[in-house]
Amino acid sequence: MTALRFANRADAARRLTQHLTAMRFEPPIVVLALPRGGVPIGAAVARALHAELDLLLVRKIGAPWQPELAVAAVVDGERPEVVIDETMMGLAGVDRDYIESQTQHALREIARRRALYLRGRAPAPLAGATVIVVDDGIATGTTVRAALKALRRKGVKRLVLAVPVAPADTCNALRAEVDTLVCLSQPEPFHAIGLHYDDFDQVEDAEVLRALEAPNALP
């Protein structure tokens, strides 16, 4: 696949939206954006597909000695779920008591973010829906994989992962977790996500709120 560069998230959103609108997904459609960087892109996709926009709030549980090494992840929803990577749990030398203690911290942070961004709005119903997970890019895919596994258990009709850029090996690993994977660029070698954008400024909370509160963000 030819490697692409994106001017900014708006450019990535435009290109991703063109691809997704051509696929004619069956409604109802829910777009789940990962905050914060995935929200501007997810909002554009939701508008184009006349879909409901919600957030996919996921918190990684890292090893005590290496927080970036995910041993589990907590996924928000009407019933939050914990997805454990049994292999990594063994390699990290932690037990389920450790994961349970960290889960409580993760749930509090998820609740804080949902209160900040969604202000009491209930999670979008996912059972029987076409669910499109959107982010501005994926590196290792560990946390996204956990989220996809949890979403599978919520009775979605069709699960789609859509991102502008990710490594080919990560895409190959995630393909089994979804019904459809859309990744516009799979560069080799892959660098940090932001290096495949000309402008990759941090998305601030205010921008997330604007995207969620815009009159045309929801059908």
N, C-alpha and C. Protein backbone atom coordinates (compact mmCIF):
# COMPACT_ATOMS: atom_id res chain seq x y z
N MET A 1 0.84 -1.20 0.00
CA MET A 1 0.00 0.00 0.00
C MET A 1 0.87 1.24 0.00
N THR A 2 0.51 2.21 -0.83
CA THR A 2 1.27 3.46 -0.90
C THR A 2 1.12 4.25 0.40
N ALA A 3 2.23 4.73 0.92
CA ALA A 3 2.20 5.53 2.14
C ALA A 3 1.67 6.92 1.81
N LEU A 4 0.77 7.41 2.66
CA LEU A 4 0.19 8.73 2.48
C LEU A 4 0.65 9.65 3.61
N ARG A 5 0.68 10.93 3.31
CA ARG A 5 0.85 11.93 4.36
C ARG A 5 -0.44 12.73 4.44
N PHE A 6 -0.75 13.16 5.64
CA PHE A 6 -1.95 13.94 5.88
C PHE A 6 -1.56 15.33 6.32
N ALA A 7 -2.22 16.34 5.76
CA ALA A 7 -1.90 17.71 6.14
C ALA A 7 -2.22 17.94 7.61
N ASN A 8 -3.36 17.42 8.05
CA ASN A 8 -3.82 17.57 9.42
C ASN A 8 -4.98 16.59 9.63
N ARG A 9 -5.62 16.66 10.79
CA ARG A 9 -6.73 15.74 11.04
C ARG A 9 -7.92 16.02 10.14
N ALA A 10 -8.12 17.29 9.76
CA ALA A 10 -9.22 17.60 8.84
C ALA A 10 -9.01 16.93 7.49
N ASP A 11 -7.79 16.92 7.02
CA ASP A 11 -7.47 16.25 5.76
C ASP A 11 -7.69 14.75 5.90
N ALA A 12 -7.22 14.18 7.01
CA ALA A 12 -7.42 12.75 7.23
C ALA A 12 -8.90 12.42 7.32
N ALA A 13 -9.67 13.27 7.98
CA ALA A 13 -11.11 13.05 8.11
C ALA A 13 -11.79 13.07 6.74
N ARG A 14 -11.40 14.02 5.91
CA ARG A 14 -12.00 14.13 4.56
C ARG A 14 -11.73 12.86 3.76
N ARG A 15 -10.49 12.40 3.77
CA ARG A 15 -10.15 11.21 2.98
C ARG A 15 -10.82 9.96 3.54
N LEU A 16 -10.85 9.84 4.87
CA LEU A 16 -11.46 8.67 5.48
C LEU A 16 -12.96 8.66 5.24
N THR A 17 -13.58 9.82 5.32
CA THR A 17 -15.01 9.94 5.09
C THR A 17 -15.38 9.55 3.67
N GLN A 18 -14.59 9.98 2.69
CA GLN A 18 -14.86 9.62 1.30
C GLN A 18 -14.86 8.10 1.13
N HIS A 19 -13.93 7.45 1.78
CA HIS A 19 -13.83 5.99 1.68
C HIS A 19 -15.03 5.32 2.34
N LEU A 20 -15.40 5.80 3.52
CA LEU A 20 -16.46 5.14 4.28
C LEU A 20 -17.84 5.38 3.68
N THR A 21 -18.09 6.57 3.14
CA THR A 21 -19.41 6.83 2.56
C THR A 21 -19.66 5.95 1.33
N ALA A 22 -18.62 5.55 0.66
CA ALA A 22 -18.77 4.69 -0.52
C ALA A 22 -19.14 3.26 -0.14
N MET A 23 -19.01 2.92 1.15
CA MET A 23 -19.23 1.54 1.57
C MET A 23 -20.68 1.24 1.91
N ARG A 24 -21.49 2.29 2.06
CA ARG A 24 -22.94 2.13 2.24
C ARG A 24 -23.28 1.16 3.38
N PHE A 25 -22.94 1.55 4.57
CA PHE A 25 -23.23 0.73 5.75
C PHE A 25 -24.71 0.74 6.06
N GLU A 26 -25.19 -0.36 6.59
CA GLU A 26 -26.59 -0.49 6.96
C GLU A 26 -26.85 0.18 8.31
N PRO A 27 -27.85 1.05 8.39
CA PRO A 27 -28.17 1.68 9.68
C PRO A 27 -28.88 0.69 10.61
N PRO A 28 -28.95 1.02 11.91
CA PRO A 28 -28.40 2.21 12.55
C PRO A 28 -26.88 2.14 12.64
N ILE A 29 -26.25 3.33 12.57
CA ILE A 29 -24.79 3.42 12.61
C ILE A 29 -24.38 4.26 13.81
N VAL A 30 -23.42 3.75 14.57
CA VAL A 30 -22.84 4.50 15.69
C VAL A 30 -21.35 4.64 15.44
N VAL A 31 -20.85 5.87 15.47
CA VAL A 31 -19.42 6.13 15.36
C VAL A 31 -18.86 6.32 16.75
N LEU A 32 -17.88 5.52 17.11
CA LEU A 32 -17.21 5.63 18.40
C LEU A 32 -15.82 6.19 18.17
N ALA A 33 -15.58 7.40 18.67
CA ALA A 33 -14.29 8.06 18.49
C ALA A 33 -13.47 7.95 19.75
N LEU A 34 -12.17 7.71 19.59
CA LEU A 34 -11.27 7.67 20.74
C LEU A 34 -10.75 9.08 21.02
N PRO A 35 -11.02 9.57 22.23
CA PRO A 35 -10.51 10.90 22.56
C PRO A 35 -9.03 10.84 22.89
N ARG A 36 -8.33 11.94 22.64
CA ARG A 36 -8.97 13.13 22.10
C ARG A 36 -8.78 13.23 20.59
N GLY A 37 -7.67 12.68 20.08
CA GLY A 37 -7.33 12.90 18.69
C GLY A 37 -8.30 12.32 17.68
N GLY A 38 -9.02 11.28 18.07
CA GLY A 38 -9.96 10.67 17.14
C GLY A 38 -11.29 11.38 17.02
N VAL A 39 -11.56 12.32 17.94
CA VAL A 39 -12.89 12.93 17.97
C VAL A 39 -13.16 13.84 16.77
N PRO A 40 -12.25 14.73 16.37
CA PRO A 40 -12.55 15.54 15.17
C PRO A 40 -12.79 14.70 13.93
N ILE A 41 -12.05 13.60 13.80
CA ILE A 41 -12.23 12.72 12.65
C ILE A 41 -13.55 11.96 12.77
N GLY A 42 -13.82 11.44 13.97
CA GLY A 42 -15.07 10.73 14.19
C GLY A 42 -16.29 11.60 13.97
N ALA A 43 -16.21 12.88 14.36
CA ALA A 43 -17.34 13.79 14.17
C ALA A 43 -17.62 13.98 12.68
N ALA A 44 -16.58 14.12 11.88
CA ALA A 44 -16.76 14.27 10.44
C ALA A 44 -17.38 13.02 9.82
N VAL A 45 -16.92 11.86 10.26
CA VAL A 45 -17.48 10.61 9.76
C VAL A 45 -18.95 10.48 10.14
N ALA A 46 -19.27 10.81 11.39
CA ALA A 46 -20.66 10.70 11.85
C ALA A 46 -21.58 11.62 11.06
N ARG A 47 -21.12 12.84 10.79
CA ARG A 47 -21.95 13.76 10.00
C ARG A 47 -22.21 13.22 8.61
N ALA A 48 -21.16 12.69 7.99
CA ALA A 48 -21.29 12.20 6.62
C ALA A 48 -22.20 10.98 6.53
N LEU A 49 -22.18 10.15 7.55
CA LEU A 49 -22.96 8.91 7.52
C LEU A 49 -24.30 9.05 8.22
N HIS A 50 -24.63 10.27 8.69
CA HIS A 50 -25.87 10.49 9.44
C HIS A 50 -25.95 9.51 10.61
N ALA A 51 -24.84 9.40 11.32
CA ALA A 51 -24.71 8.43 12.40
C ALA A 51 -24.67 9.13 13.75
N GLU A 52 -24.94 8.36 14.77
CA GLU A 52 -24.78 8.87 16.13
C GLU A 52 -23.29 8.85 16.48
N LEU A 53 -22.86 9.88 17.18
CA LEU A 53 -21.46 10.00 17.60
C LEU A 53 -21.36 9.81 19.10
N ASP A 54 -20.47 8.93 19.50
CA ASP A 54 -20.20 8.73 20.93
C ASP A 54 -18.70 8.54 21.09
N LEU A 55 -18.27 8.50 22.33
CA LEU A 55 -16.85 8.29 22.62
C LEU A 55 -16.59 6.85 23.01
N LEU A 56 -15.44 6.36 22.63
CA LEU A 56 -14.96 5.06 23.10
C LEU A 56 -13.88 5.35 24.13
N LEU A 57 -14.25 5.20 25.39
CA LEU A 57 -13.34 5.52 26.49
C LEU A 57 -12.69 4.24 26.97
N VAL A 58 -11.38 4.17 26.83
CA VAL A 58 -10.61 2.98 27.19
C VAL A 58 -9.43 3.42 28.04
N ARG A 59 -9.17 2.69 29.10
CA ARG A 59 -8.01 2.97 29.93
C ARG A 59 -7.14 1.73 30.01
N LYS A 60 -5.89 1.93 29.69
CA LYS A 60 -4.92 0.85 29.75
C LYS A 60 -4.52 0.58 31.20
N ILE A 61 -4.35 -0.69 31.54
CA ILE A 61 -3.75 -1.07 32.82
C ILE A 61 -2.36 -1.60 32.51
N GLY A 62 -1.36 -0.85 32.93
CA GLY A 62 0.01 -1.22 32.60
C GLY A 62 0.67 -2.03 33.70
N ALA A 63 1.81 -2.62 33.36
CA ALA A 63 2.61 -3.34 34.35
C ALA A 63 3.15 -2.35 35.38
N PRO A 64 3.34 -2.78 36.62
CA PRO A 64 3.82 -1.86 37.67
C PRO A 64 5.16 -1.21 37.31
N TRP A 65 6.02 -1.95 36.61
CA TRP A 65 7.36 -1.45 36.31
C TRP A 65 7.45 -0.82 34.92
N GLN A 66 6.36 -0.92 34.15
CA GLN A 66 6.34 -0.32 32.80
C GLN A 66 4.90 0.01 32.45
N PRO A 67 4.44 1.22 32.78
CA PRO A 67 3.04 1.57 32.56
C PRO A 67 2.58 1.46 31.12
N GLU A 68 3.51 1.58 30.15
CA GLU A 68 3.12 1.51 28.75
C GLU A 68 2.90 0.07 28.28
N LEU A 69 3.31 -0.90 29.08
CA LEU A 69 3.11 -2.30 28.74
C LEU A 69 1.74 -2.74 29.25
N ALA A 70 0.78 -2.85 28.34
CA ALA A 70 -0.60 -3.12 28.74
C ALA A 70 -0.78 -4.59 29.12
N VAL A 71 -1.28 -4.82 30.31
CA VAL A 71 -1.65 -6.18 30.73
C VAL A 71 -3.17 -6.37 30.68
N ALA A 72 -3.89 -5.26 30.64
CA ALA A 72 -5.35 -5.30 30.55
C ALA A 72 -5.83 -3.91 30.13
N ALA A 73 -7.12 -3.83 29.85
CA ALA A 73 -7.72 -2.54 29.52
C ALA A 73 -9.15 -2.54 30.01
N VAL A 74 -9.60 -1.38 30.43
CA VAL A 74 -10.98 -1.20 30.88
C VAL A 74 -11.71 -0.41 29.80
N VAL A 75 -12.83 -0.95 29.36
CA VAL A 75 -13.58 -0.36 28.26
C VAL A 75 -14.92 0.13 28.78
N ASP A 76 -15.22 1.40 28.53
CA ASP A 76 -16.46 2.02 28.99
C ASP A 76 -17.66 1.43 28.25
N GLY A 77 -18.82 1.62 28.83
CA GLY A 77 -20.06 1.18 28.22
C GLY A 77 -21.14 1.14 29.27
N GLU A 78 -22.34 0.72 28.85
CA GLU A 78 -23.42 0.58 29.82
C GLU A 78 -22.99 -0.36 30.95
N ARG A 79 -22.22 -1.36 30.59
CA ARG A 79 -21.58 -2.23 31.57
C ARG A 79 -20.09 -2.29 31.23
N PRO A 80 -19.27 -1.49 31.93
CA PRO A 80 -17.83 -1.48 31.61
C PRO A 80 -17.24 -2.88 31.68
N GLU A 81 -16.28 -3.13 30.79
CA GLU A 81 -15.66 -4.45 30.73
C GLU A 81 -14.15 -4.34 30.89
N VAL A 82 -13.59 -5.37 31.50
CA VAL A 82 -12.14 -5.48 31.63
C VAL A 82 -11.67 -6.60 30.72
N VAL A 83 -10.75 -6.29 29.83
CA VAL A 83 -10.18 -7.29 28.92
C VAL A 83 -8.74 -7.52 29.34
N ILE A 84 -8.43 -8.76 29.69
CA ILE A 84 -7.11 -9.10 30.22
C ILE A 84 -6.29 -9.81 29.15
N ASP A 85 -5.06 -9.40 29.00
CA ASP A 85 -4.11 -10.09 28.14
C ASP A 85 -3.37 -11.10 29.03
N GLU A 86 -3.81 -12.35 28.97
CA GLU A 86 -3.27 -13.37 29.89
C GLU A 86 -1.77 -13.55 29.70
N THR A 87 -1.31 -13.48 28.46
CA THR A 87 0.12 -13.66 28.20
C THR A 87 0.92 -12.54 28.85
N MET A 88 0.50 -11.30 28.62
CA MET A 88 1.23 -10.16 29.18
C MET A 88 1.11 -10.12 30.70
N MET A 89 -0.02 -10.56 31.22
CA MET A 89 -0.17 -10.61 32.67
C MET A 89 0.88 -11.54 33.29
N GLY A 90 1.09 -12.69 32.63
CA GLY A 90 2.11 -13.61 33.12
C GLY A 90 3.50 -13.05 32.99
N LEU A 91 3.79 -12.42 31.85
CA LEU A 91 5.12 -11.85 31.65
C LEU A 91 5.41 -10.72 32.62
N ALA A 92 4.37 -9.97 32.97
CA ALA A 92 4.54 -8.84 33.89
C ALA A 92 4.60 -9.28 35.34
N GLY A 93 4.22 -10.53 35.60
CA GLY A 93 4.28 -11.03 36.97
C GLY A 93 3.22 -10.44 37.88
N VAL A 94 2.05 -10.12 37.32
CA VAL A 94 0.98 -9.56 38.15
C VAL A 94 -0.17 -10.56 38.21
N ASP A 95 -1.02 -10.37 39.21
CA ASP A 95 -2.17 -11.26 39.36
C ASP A 95 -3.46 -10.48 39.20
N ARG A 96 -4.57 -11.19 39.37
CA ARG A 96 -5.87 -10.55 39.15
C ARG A 96 -6.20 -9.54 40.25
N ASP A 97 -5.63 -9.72 41.43
CA ASP A 97 -5.85 -8.72 42.48
C ASP A 97 -5.25 -7.37 42.06
N TYR A 98 -4.08 -7.42 41.43
CA TYR A 98 -3.46 -6.19 40.93
C TYR A 98 -4.35 -5.55 39.87
N ILE A 99 -4.85 -6.36 38.94
CA ILE A 99 -5.70 -5.82 37.88
C ILE A 99 -6.98 -5.24 38.46
N GLU A 100 -7.55 -5.92 39.46
CA GLU A 100 -8.76 -5.40 40.08
C GLU A 100 -8.52 -4.06 40.75
N SER A 101 -7.40 -3.92 41.43
CA SER A 101 -7.11 -2.65 42.11
C SER A 101 -6.92 -1.53 41.09
N GLN A 102 -6.25 -1.84 39.98
CA GLN A 102 -6.03 -0.83 38.95
C GLN A 102 -7.30 -0.53 38.18
N THR A 103 -8.19 -1.52 38.11
CA THR A 103 -9.46 -1.31 37.42
C THR A 103 -10.26 -0.20 38.08
N GLN A 104 -10.23 -0.16 39.40
CA GLN A 104 -10.99 0.87 40.10
C GLN A 104 -10.47 2.27 39.76
N HIS A 105 -9.15 2.41 39.68
CA HIS A 105 -8.57 3.70 39.26
C HIS A 105 -9.02 4.04 37.84
N ALA A 106 -8.98 3.03 36.97
CA ALA A 106 -9.34 3.26 35.57
C ALA A 106 -10.81 3.68 35.44
N LEU A 107 -11.68 3.03 36.19
CA LEU A 107 -13.09 3.36 36.13
C LEU A 107 -13.37 4.79 36.60
N ARG A 108 -12.63 5.21 37.62
CA ARG A 108 -12.80 6.58 38.09
C ARG A 108 -12.37 7.59 37.03
N GLU A 109 -11.28 7.27 36.32
CA GLU A 109 -10.82 8.17 35.27
C GLU A 109 -11.79 8.17 34.09
N ILE A 110 -12.34 7.02 33.75
CA ILE A 110 -13.34 6.95 32.68
C ILE A 110 -14.57 7.77 33.06
N ALA A 111 -15.00 7.64 34.31
CA ALA A 111 -16.17 8.40 34.77
C ALA A 111 -15.89 9.90 34.71
N ARG A 112 -14.66 10.29 35.07
CA ARG A 112 -14.31 11.71 35.02
C ARG A 112 -14.37 12.23 33.59
N ARG A 113 -13.82 11.44 32.66
CA ARG A 113 -13.82 11.87 31.27
C ARG A 113 -15.22 11.90 30.67
N ARG A 114 -16.04 10.90 31.01
CA ARG A 114 -17.41 10.90 30.48
C ARG A 114 -18.18 12.09 31.03
N ALA A 115 -17.98 12.42 32.31
CA ALA A 115 -18.66 13.58 32.89
C ALA A 115 -18.19 14.87 32.21
N LEU A 116 -16.88 14.96 31.95
CA LEU A 116 -16.33 16.15 31.32
C LEU A 116 -16.84 16.32 29.90
N TYR A 117 -16.78 15.25 29.12
CA TYR A 117 -17.08 15.35 27.70
C TYR A 117 -18.57 15.20 27.37
N LEU A 118 -19.25 14.30 28.07
CA LEU A 118 -20.61 13.96 27.68
C LEU A 118 -21.67 14.46 28.64
N ARG A 119 -21.25 14.91 29.82
CA ARG A 119 -22.13 15.63 30.74
C ARG A 119 -23.45 14.93 30.98
N GLY A 120 -23.34 13.66 31.36
CA GLY A 120 -24.52 12.92 31.75
C GLY A 120 -25.23 12.18 30.64
N ARG A 121 -24.81 12.38 29.40
CA ARG A 121 -25.46 11.67 28.30
C ARG A 121 -25.15 10.18 28.40
N ALA A 122 -26.17 9.37 28.25
CA ALA A 122 -26.00 7.92 28.34
C ALA A 122 -25.24 7.40 27.13
N PRO A 123 -24.49 6.31 27.30
CA PRO A 123 -23.79 5.73 26.15
C PRO A 123 -24.77 5.34 25.04
N ALA A 124 -24.34 5.47 23.81
CA ALA A 124 -25.18 5.10 22.67
C ALA A 124 -25.45 3.60 22.70
N PRO A 125 -26.68 3.18 22.40
CA PRO A 125 -26.97 1.74 22.33
C PRO A 125 -26.25 1.11 21.14
N LEU A 126 -25.59 0.00 21.38
CA LEU A 126 -24.76 -0.62 20.34
C LEU A 126 -25.34 -1.93 19.80
N ALA A 127 -26.19 -2.58 20.56
CA ALA A 127 -26.72 -3.87 20.13
C ALA A 127 -27.48 -3.70 18.82
N GLY A 128 -27.12 -4.52 17.83
CA GLY A 128 -27.79 -4.49 16.54
C GLY A 128 -27.36 -3.37 15.62
N ALA A 129 -26.36 -2.59 16.02
CA ALA A 129 -25.92 -1.44 15.22
C ALA A 129 -24.65 -1.76 14.44
N THR A 130 -24.44 -1.00 13.36
CA THR A 130 -23.13 -0.97 12.71
C THR A 130 -22.27 0.01 13.51
N VAL A 131 -21.21 -0.48 14.09
CA VAL A 131 -20.36 0.34 14.96
C VAL A 131 -19.02 0.58 14.27
N ILE A 132 -18.68 1.86 14.10
CA ILE A 132 -17.44 2.24 13.44
C ILE A 132 -16.53 2.91 14.46
N VAL A 133 -15.41 2.28 14.77
CA VAL A 133 -14.43 2.81 15.71
C VAL A 133 -13.42 3.65 14.93
N VAL A 134 -13.24 4.89 15.36
CA VAL A 134 -12.40 5.84 14.62
C VAL A 134 -11.34 6.43 15.54
N ASP A 135 -10.10 6.49 15.04
CA ASP A 135 -9.03 7.20 15.74
C ASP A 135 -8.18 7.90 14.69
N ASP A 136 -7.23 8.74 15.14
CA ASP A 136 -6.38 9.45 14.18
C ASP A 136 -5.17 8.63 13.76
N GLY A 137 -5.05 7.42 14.30
CA GLY A 137 -3.96 6.52 13.93
C GLY A 137 -3.77 5.49 15.02
N ILE A 138 -3.09 4.41 14.69
CA ILE A 138 -2.81 3.33 15.64
C ILE A 138 -1.34 2.98 15.54
N ALA A 139 -0.73 2.74 16.68
CA ALA A 139 0.67 2.29 16.69
C ALA A 139 0.72 0.80 16.97
N THR A 140 0.74 0.41 18.25
CA THR A 140 0.81 -1.02 18.58
C THR A 140 -0.55 -1.70 18.51
N GLY A 141 -1.61 -0.97 18.79
CA GLY A 141 -2.95 -1.53 18.71
C GLY A 141 -3.40 -2.29 19.94
N THR A 142 -2.59 -2.31 21.00
CA THR A 142 -2.93 -3.11 22.18
C THR A 142 -4.24 -2.66 22.80
N THR A 143 -4.38 -1.36 23.04
CA THR A 143 -5.58 -0.86 23.70
C THR A 143 -6.80 -0.97 22.79
N VAL A 144 -6.62 -0.68 21.51
CA VAL A 144 -7.73 -0.81 20.56
C VAL A 144 -8.21 -2.25 20.48
N ARG A 145 -7.28 -3.19 20.51
CA ARG A 145 -7.68 -4.61 20.45
C ARG A 145 -8.58 -4.96 21.62
N ALA A 146 -8.24 -4.48 22.80
CA ALA A 146 -9.07 -4.74 23.98
C ALA A 146 -10.46 -4.15 23.79
N ALA A 147 -10.52 -2.93 23.27
CA ALA A 147 -11.81 -2.29 23.05
C ALA A 147 -12.65 -3.07 22.05
N LEU A 148 -12.04 -3.54 21.00
CA LEU A 148 -12.77 -4.29 19.98
C LEU A 148 -13.32 -5.60 20.55
N LYS A 149 -12.52 -6.26 21.37
CA LYS A 149 -13.00 -7.51 21.99
C LYS A 149 -14.22 -7.24 22.87
N ALA A 150 -14.18 -6.15 23.61
CA ALA A 150 -15.32 -5.80 24.46
C ALA A 150 -16.55 -5.45 23.62
N LEU A 151 -16.35 -4.72 22.54
CA LEU A 151 -17.47 -4.34 21.69
C LEU A 151 -18.13 -5.56 21.05
N ARG A 152 -17.35 -6.55 20.72
CA ARG A 152 -17.89 -7.78 20.14
C ARG A 152 -18.93 -8.41 21.06
N ARG A 153 -18.73 -8.25 22.35
CA ARG A 153 -19.62 -8.89 23.32
C ARG A 153 -20.87 -8.06 23.57
N LYS A 154 -21.01 -6.94 22.91
CA LYS A 154 -22.17 -6.08 23.12
C LYS A 154 -23.25 -6.28 22.06
N GLY A 155 -23.08 -7.28 21.23
CA GLY A 155 -24.12 -7.62 20.27
C GLY A 155 -24.21 -6.70 19.08
N VAL A 156 -23.06 -6.11 18.67
CA VAL A 156 -23.09 -5.24 17.50
C VAL A 156 -23.33 -6.09 16.25
N LYS A 157 -23.97 -5.45 15.26
CA LYS A 157 -24.28 -6.18 14.02
C LYS A 157 -23.05 -6.27 13.12
N ARG A 158 -22.33 -5.15 13.02
CA ARG A 158 -21.13 -5.12 12.19
C ARG A 158 -20.12 -4.20 12.87
N LEU A 159 -18.90 -4.66 13.00
CA LEU A 159 -17.87 -3.91 13.69
C LEU A 159 -16.80 -3.48 12.68
N VAL A 160 -16.58 -2.16 12.62
CA VAL A 160 -15.66 -1.58 11.65
C VAL A 160 -14.60 -0.78 12.41
N LEU A 161 -13.36 -0.92 11.99
CA LEU A 161 -12.27 -0.09 12.51
C LEU A 161 -11.78 0.78 11.37
N ALA A 162 -11.76 2.09 11.57
CA ALA A 162 -11.39 3.01 10.49
C ALA A 162 -10.38 4.03 11.00
N VAL A 163 -9.19 4.03 10.42
CA VAL A 163 -8.13 4.96 10.83
C VAL A 163 -7.38 5.43 9.59
N PRO A 164 -6.78 6.63 9.66
CA PRO A 164 -5.99 7.08 8.53
C PRO A 164 -4.68 6.32 8.35
N VAL A 165 -4.00 5.97 9.47
CA VAL A 165 -2.66 5.41 9.35
C VAL A 165 -2.38 4.43 10.49
N ALA A 166 -1.67 3.35 10.14
CA ALA A 166 -1.25 2.35 11.12
C ALA A 166 -0.22 1.44 10.45
N PRO A 167 0.64 0.78 11.23
CA PRO A 167 1.59 -0.15 10.63
C PRO A 167 0.87 -1.36 10.04
N ALA A 168 1.44 -1.93 9.01
CA ALA A 168 0.82 -3.09 8.36
C ALA A 168 0.66 -4.26 9.31
N ASP A 169 1.66 -4.52 10.16
CA ASP A 169 1.55 -5.66 11.06
C ASP A 169 0.46 -5.46 12.10
N THR A 170 0.27 -4.21 12.54
CA THR A 170 -0.82 -3.93 13.47
C THR A 170 -2.16 -4.14 12.79
N CYS A 171 -2.30 -3.67 11.56
CA CYS A 171 -3.54 -3.89 10.82
C CYS A 171 -3.83 -5.37 10.65
N ASN A 172 -2.82 -6.14 10.32
CA ASN A 172 -3.01 -7.58 10.14
C ASN A 172 -3.46 -8.24 11.44
N ALA A 173 -2.92 -7.79 12.57
CA ALA A 173 -3.29 -8.36 13.86
C ALA A 173 -4.71 -7.99 14.26
N LEU A 174 -5.15 -6.79 13.87
CA LEU A 174 -6.48 -6.32 14.27
C LEU A 174 -7.58 -6.79 13.32
N ARG A 175 -7.20 -7.22 12.14
CA ARG A 175 -8.20 -7.58 11.13
C ARG A 175 -9.12 -8.69 11.62
N ALA A 176 -8.60 -9.60 12.42
CA ALA A 176 -9.42 -10.71 12.92
C ALA A 176 -10.44 -10.25 13.96
N GLU A 177 -10.26 -9.05 14.51
CA GLU A 177 -11.15 -8.57 15.56
C GLU A 177 -12.36 -7.82 15.02
N VAL A 178 -12.40 -7.54 13.72
CA VAL A 178 -13.47 -6.72 13.15
C VAL A 178 -14.04 -7.38 11.90
N ASP A 179 -15.18 -6.88 11.48
CA ASP A 179 -15.75 -7.34 10.21
C ASP A 179 -15.12 -6.60 9.03
N THR A 180 -14.78 -5.33 9.26
CA THR A 180 -14.18 -4.52 8.20
C THR A 180 -13.10 -3.64 8.81
N LEU A 181 -11.94 -3.60 8.19
CA LEU A 181 -10.87 -2.71 8.62
C LEU A 181 -10.53 -1.77 7.48
N VAL A 182 -10.57 -0.48 7.77
CA VAL A 182 -10.22 0.55 6.78
C VAL A 182 -9.02 1.30 7.32
N CYS A 183 -7.90 1.21 6.62
CA CYS A 183 -6.70 1.96 6.99
C CYS A 183 -6.14 2.53 5.69
N LEU A 184 -6.13 3.84 5.58
CA LEU A 184 -5.76 4.47 4.32
C LEU A 184 -4.29 4.35 3.99
N SER A 185 -3.45 4.31 5.01
CA SER A 185 -2.00 4.27 4.79
C SER A 185 -1.35 3.33 5.79
N GLN A 186 -0.52 2.43 5.26
CA GLN A 186 0.21 1.49 6.12
C GLN A 186 1.70 1.59 5.78
N PRO A 187 2.33 2.68 6.18
CA PRO A 187 3.71 2.94 5.76
C PRO A 187 4.71 1.99 6.41
N GLU A 188 5.74 1.69 5.65
CA GLU A 188 6.87 0.91 6.15
C GLU A 188 8.15 1.64 5.77
N PRO A 189 8.99 2.04 6.72
CA PRO A 189 8.78 1.81 8.15
C PRO A 189 7.73 2.76 8.71
N PHE A 190 7.12 2.33 9.81
CA PHE A 190 6.14 3.16 10.49
C PHE A 190 6.84 3.94 11.59
N HIS A 191 6.56 5.24 11.64
CA HIS A 191 7.09 6.08 12.71
C HIS A 191 5.94 6.42 13.66
N ALA A 192 6.18 7.24 14.63
CA ALA A 192 5.10 7.69 15.50
C ALA A 192 3.97 8.28 14.66
N ILE A 193 2.74 8.12 15.13
CA ILE A 193 1.58 8.54 14.34
C ILE A 193 1.74 9.97 13.84
N GLY A 194 2.15 10.86 14.73
CA GLY A 194 2.23 12.27 14.39
C GLY A 194 3.19 12.59 13.27
N LEU A 195 4.17 11.72 13.05
CA LEU A 195 5.15 11.96 12.00
C LEU A 195 4.59 11.71 10.61
N HIS A 196 3.39 11.14 10.52
CA HIS A 196 2.73 10.94 9.24
C HIS A 196 1.73 12.06 8.94
N TYR A 197 1.73 13.09 9.78
CA TYR A 197 0.92 14.29 9.59
C TYR A 197 1.86 15.49 9.50
N ASP A 198 1.50 16.46 8.66
CA ASP A 198 2.25 17.72 8.65
C ASP A 198 1.95 18.53 9.90
N ASP A 199 0.69 18.51 10.31
CA ASP A 199 0.24 19.24 11.51
C ASP A 199 -0.48 18.25 12.40
N PHE A 200 0.09 17.99 13.58
CA PHE A 200 -0.49 17.02 14.50
C PHE A 200 -0.57 17.64 15.89
N ASP A 201 -1.09 18.86 15.94
CA ASP A 201 -1.25 19.54 17.22
C ASP A 201 -2.17 18.75 18.14
N GLN A 202 -1.92 18.86 19.43
CA GLN A 202 -2.76 18.18 20.41
C GLN A 202 -4.18 18.69 20.34
N VAL A 203 -5.14 17.78 20.42
CA VAL A 203 -6.55 18.16 20.47
C VAL A 203 -6.90 18.49 21.91
N GLU A 204 -7.39 19.68 22.14
CA GLU A 204 -7.73 20.11 23.49
C GLU A 204 -9.15 19.70 23.86
N ASP A 205 -9.43 19.71 25.16
CA ASP A 205 -10.77 19.34 25.63
C ASP A 205 -11.84 20.20 24.98
N ALA A 206 -11.56 21.48 24.78
CA ALA A 206 -12.56 22.38 24.19
C ALA A 206 -12.95 21.93 22.79
N GLU A 207 -11.99 21.41 22.03
CA GLU A 207 -12.31 20.94 20.67
C GLU A 207 -13.16 19.68 20.71
N VAL A 208 -12.88 18.82 21.67
CA VAL A 208 -13.71 17.62 21.85
C VAL A 208 -15.14 18.03 22.16
N LEU A 209 -15.30 18.97 23.08
CA LEU A 209 -16.64 19.42 23.46
C LEU A 209 -17.38 20.05 22.29
N ARG A 210 -16.68 20.85 21.49
CA ARG A 210 -17.32 21.47 20.33
C ARG A 210 -17.82 20.40 19.35
N ALA A 211 -17.00 19.40 19.13
CA ALA A 211 -17.40 18.33 18.20
C ALA A 211 -18.63 17.59 18.69
N LEU A 212 -18.69 17.36 19.99
CA LEU A 212 -19.82 16.61 20.56
C LEU A 212 -21.09 17.44 20.67
N GLU A 213 -20.92 18.75 20.83
CA GLU A 213 -22.08 19.61 21.04
C GLU A 213 -22.60 20.23 19.75
N ALA A 214 -21.86 20.09 18.65
CA ALA A 214 -22.28 20.70 17.39
C ALA A 214 -23.66 20.17 16.99
N PRO A 215 -24.56 21.04 16.53
CA PRO A 215 -25.92 20.60 16.19
C PRO A 215 -25.95 19.48 15.15
N ASN A 216 -24.97 19.46 14.26
CA ASN A 216 -24.98 18.43 13.22
C ASN A 216 -24.10 17.24 13.56
N ALA A 217 -23.70 17.10 14.84
CA ALA A 217 -22.89 15.95 15.23
C ALA A 217 -23.77 14.72 15.38
N LEU A 218 -25.05 14.92 15.64
CA LEU A 218 -25.98 13.81 15.79
C LEU A 218 -27.07 13.93 14.75
N PRO A 219 -27.70 12.82 14.37
CA PRO A 219 -28.76 12.90 13.38
C PRO A 219 -29.98 13.64 13.91
